[in-house]
C-alpha atoms as a PDB file:
ATOM      1  CA  MET A   1      90.541  43.649  39.400  1.00  0.00           C
ATOM      2  CA  PRO A   2      87.798  42.358  36.950  1.00  0.00           C
ATOM      3  CA  SER A   3      85.396  44.175  35.326  1.00  0.00           C
ATOM      4  CA  LEU A   4      81.923  44.113  36.526  1.00  0.00           C
ATOM      5  CA  HIS A   5      80.341  45.402  32.919  1.00  0.00           C
ATOM      6  CA  VAL A   6      78.165  42.797  31.617  1.00  0.00           C
ATOM      7  CA  GLN A   7      78.288  42.160  28.045  1.00  0.00           C
ATOM      8  CA  TYR A   8      74.700  41.721  26.667  1.00  0.00           C
ATOM      9  CA  LYS A   9      74.174  40.144  23.691  1.00  0.00           C
ATOM     10  CA  LYS A  10      73.379  42.450  20.471  1.00  0.00           C
ATOM     11  CA  SER A  11      69.637  42.494  19.877  1.00  0.00           C
ATOM     12  CA  LYS A  12      68.849  42.193  16.106  1.00  0.00           C
ATOM     13  CA  VAL A  13      66.115  44.589  15.128  1.00  0.00           C
ATOM     14  CA  LYS A  14      64.639  42.028  12.462  1.00  0.00           C
ATOM     15  CA  GLN A  15      64.616  39.348  15.068  1.00  0.00           C
ATOM     16  CA  TYR A  16      62.129  41.593  17.395  1.00  0.00           C
ATOM     17  CA  HIS A  17      60.116  42.645  14.164  1.00  0.00           C
ATOM     18  CA  LYS A  18      59.624  39.041  13.518  1.00  0.00           C
ATOM     19  CA  GLU A  19      58.691  37.832  16.980  1.00  0.00           C
ATOM     20  CA  GLY A  20      56.442  40.634  17.231  1.00  0.00           C
ATOM     21  CA  GLN A  21      54.616  39.845  13.858  1.00  0.00           C
ATOM     22  CA  ALA A  22      54.181  36.154  14.803  1.00  0.00           C
ATOM     23  CA  LEU A  23      52.484  37.493  18.228  1.00  0.00           C
ATOM     24  CA  ARG A  24      50.239  39.816  16.368  1.00  0.00           C
ATOM     25  CA  LEU A  25      49.312  37.405  13.794  1.00  0.00           C
ATOM     26  CA  HIS A  26      48.242  34.748  16.616  1.00  0.00           C
ATOM     27  CA  GLY A  27      46.246  37.881  18.451  1.00  0.00           C
ATOM     28  CA  LEU A  28      48.395  37.674  21.354  1.00  0.00           C
ATOM     29  CA  ILE A  29      49.228  41.371  21.373  1.00  0.00           C
ATOM     30  CA  GLU A  30      47.616  44.211  19.442  1.00  0.00           C
ATOM     31  CA  ARG A  31      49.163  47.789  18.597  1.00  0.00           C
ATOM     32  CA  VAL A  32      47.689  51.055  20.064  1.00  0.00           C
ATOM     33  CA  PRO A  33      46.199  53.186  17.825  1.00  0.00           C
ATOM     34  CA  ASP A  34      48.349  56.380  16.907  1.00  0.00           C
ATOM     35  CA  SER A  35      51.351  54.865  18.404  1.00  0.00           C
ATOM     36  CA  HIS A  36      54.564  52.626  18.447  1.00  0.00           C
ATOM     37  CA  ARG A  37      53.298  50.784  21.394  1.00  0.00           C
ATOM     38  CA  TYR A  38      51.508  47.263  21.682  1.00  0.00           C
ATOM     39  CA  ARG A  39      49.066  45.780  24.536  1.00  0.00           C
ATOM     40  CA  ILE A  40      48.819  42.316  25.721  1.00  0.00           C
ATOM     41  CA  THR A  41      44.981  41.020  24.246  1.00  0.00           C
ATOM     42  CA  ASP A  42      42.689  38.810  26.317  1.00  0.00           C
ATOM     43  CA  ARG A  43      43.662  35.760  24.459  1.00  0.00           C
ATOM     44  CA  GLY A  44      47.343  36.713  24.758  1.00  0.00           C
ATOM     45  CA  ALA A  45      46.871  37.031  28.985  1.00  0.00           C
ATOM     46  CA  THR A  46      45.346  33.864  28.903  1.00  0.00           C
ATOM     47  CA  THR A  47      47.795  31.934  26.739  1.00  0.00           C
ATOM     48  CA  ALA A  48      50.785  33.527  29.114  1.00  0.00           C
ATOM     49  CA  MET A  49      48.782  32.531  32.040  1.00  0.00           C
ATOM     50  CA  PHE A  50      48.494  28.797  30.682  1.00  0.00           C
ATOM     51  CA  TYR A  51      52.465  28.644  30.197  1.00  0.00           C
ATOM     52  CA  VAL A  52      52.918  30.222  33.806  1.00  0.00           C
ATOM     53  CA  ARG A  53      50.747  27.810  35.411  1.00  0.00           C
ATOM     54  CA  LEU A  54      52.060  24.611  33.297  1.00  0.00           C
ATOM     55  CA  TYR A  55      55.554  25.368  34.039  1.00  0.00           C
ATOM     56  CA  ALA A  56      55.186  25.784  37.723  1.00  0.00           C
ATOM     57  CA  ARG A  57      52.612  22.839  38.244  1.00  0.00           C
ATOM     58  CA  ALA A  58      54.142  20.360  36.047  1.00  0.00           C
ATOM     59  CA  LEU A  59      57.621  21.018  34.375  1.00  0.00           C
ATOM     60  CA  ARG A  60      59.446  22.686  37.079  1.00  0.00           C
ATOM     61  CA  PRO A  61      58.312  19.599  39.559  1.00  0.00           C
ATOM     62  CA  VAL A  62      59.096  17.219  36.999  1.00  0.00           C
ATOM     63  CA  ALA A  63      62.934  18.749  36.409  1.00  0.00           C
ATOM     64  CA  SER A  64      63.507  18.576  40.065  1.00  0.00           C
ATOM     65  CA  LEU A  65      62.826  14.666  40.022  1.00  0.00           C
ATOM     66  CA  GLN A  66      65.743  12.205  40.159  1.00  0.00           C
ATOM     67  CA  PRO A  67      65.566  10.286  36.668  1.00  0.00           C
ATOM     68  CA  SER A  68      64.363   6.761  37.926  1.00  0.00           C
ATOM     69  CA  GLY A  69      63.275   5.265  34.711  1.00  0.00           C
ATOM     70  CA  SER A  70      60.291   3.708  35.912  1.00  0.00           C
ATOM     71  CA  ALA A  71      57.438   2.885  33.843  1.00  0.00           C
ATOM     72  CA  ARG A  72      55.213   4.975  35.690  1.00  0.00           C
ATOM     73  CA  GLY A  73      57.225   8.223  35.476  1.00  0.00           C
ATOM     74  CA  HIS A  74      57.280   7.664  31.330  1.00  0.00           C
ATOM     75  CA  GLN A  75      53.561   7.069  31.407  1.00  0.00           C
ATOM     76  CA  ALA A  76      52.754  10.358  33.025  1.00  0.00           C
ATOM     77  CA  PHE A  77      55.178  12.364  31.103  1.00  0.00           C
ATOM     78  CA  ASP A  78      53.600  10.946  27.726  1.00  0.00           C
ATOM     79  CA  ARG A  79      50.265  11.826  28.771  1.00  0.00           C
ATOM     80  CA  LEU A  80      51.476  15.292  29.435  1.00  0.00           C
ATOM     81  CA  ASP A  81      53.119  15.621  26.430  1.00  0.00           C
ATOM     82  CA  ALA A  82      49.993  14.453  24.459  1.00  0.00           C
ATOM     83  CA  ALA A  83      47.721  16.648  26.576  1.00  0.00           C
ATOM     84  CA  LEU A  84      50.211  19.564  25.538  1.00  0.00           C
ATOM     85  CA  ALA A  85      50.350  18.437  21.951  1.00  0.00           C
ATOM     86  CA  ASN A  86      46.465  18.500  22.016  1.00  0.00           C
ATOM     87  CA  PHE A  87      46.145  21.663  23.693  1.00  0.00           C
ATOM     88  CA  LEU A  88      48.400  23.414  21.007  1.00  0.00           C
ATOM     89  CA  ASP A  89      46.470  21.931  18.555  1.00  0.00           C
ATOM     90  CA  GLU A  90      43.225  23.335  19.542  1.00  0.00           C
ATOM     91  CA  VAL A  91      44.199  26.742  19.776  1.00  0.00           C
ATOM     92  CA  LYS A  92      46.634  26.265  16.602  1.00  0.00           C
ATOM     93  CA  LEU A  93      49.770  27.421  17.935  1.00  0.00           C
ATOM     94  CA  VAL A  94      52.908  25.436  16.753  1.00  0.00           C
ATOM     95  CA  ALA A  95      54.945  23.611  19.478  1.00  0.00           C
END
């Protein structure tokens, strides 16, 4: 009988520290005073909602389409890519 135990990838503490530091530097999370906890900032919540909406309204529907190679589809994707790059540049996040 096969084992039902799931092998989880071993996490690296340094990687978590590095990611947390990046989130703090961008102002997406802040440390709760006198504790080892963090909370999301207003900017972090706004950024998270942007990515959720972008995925739900643009990326998920596009990913479900069959590749047709039409010029109209390529133009729409290029406009979306340019708008996203412009937004990331505006809020000073690296793509």
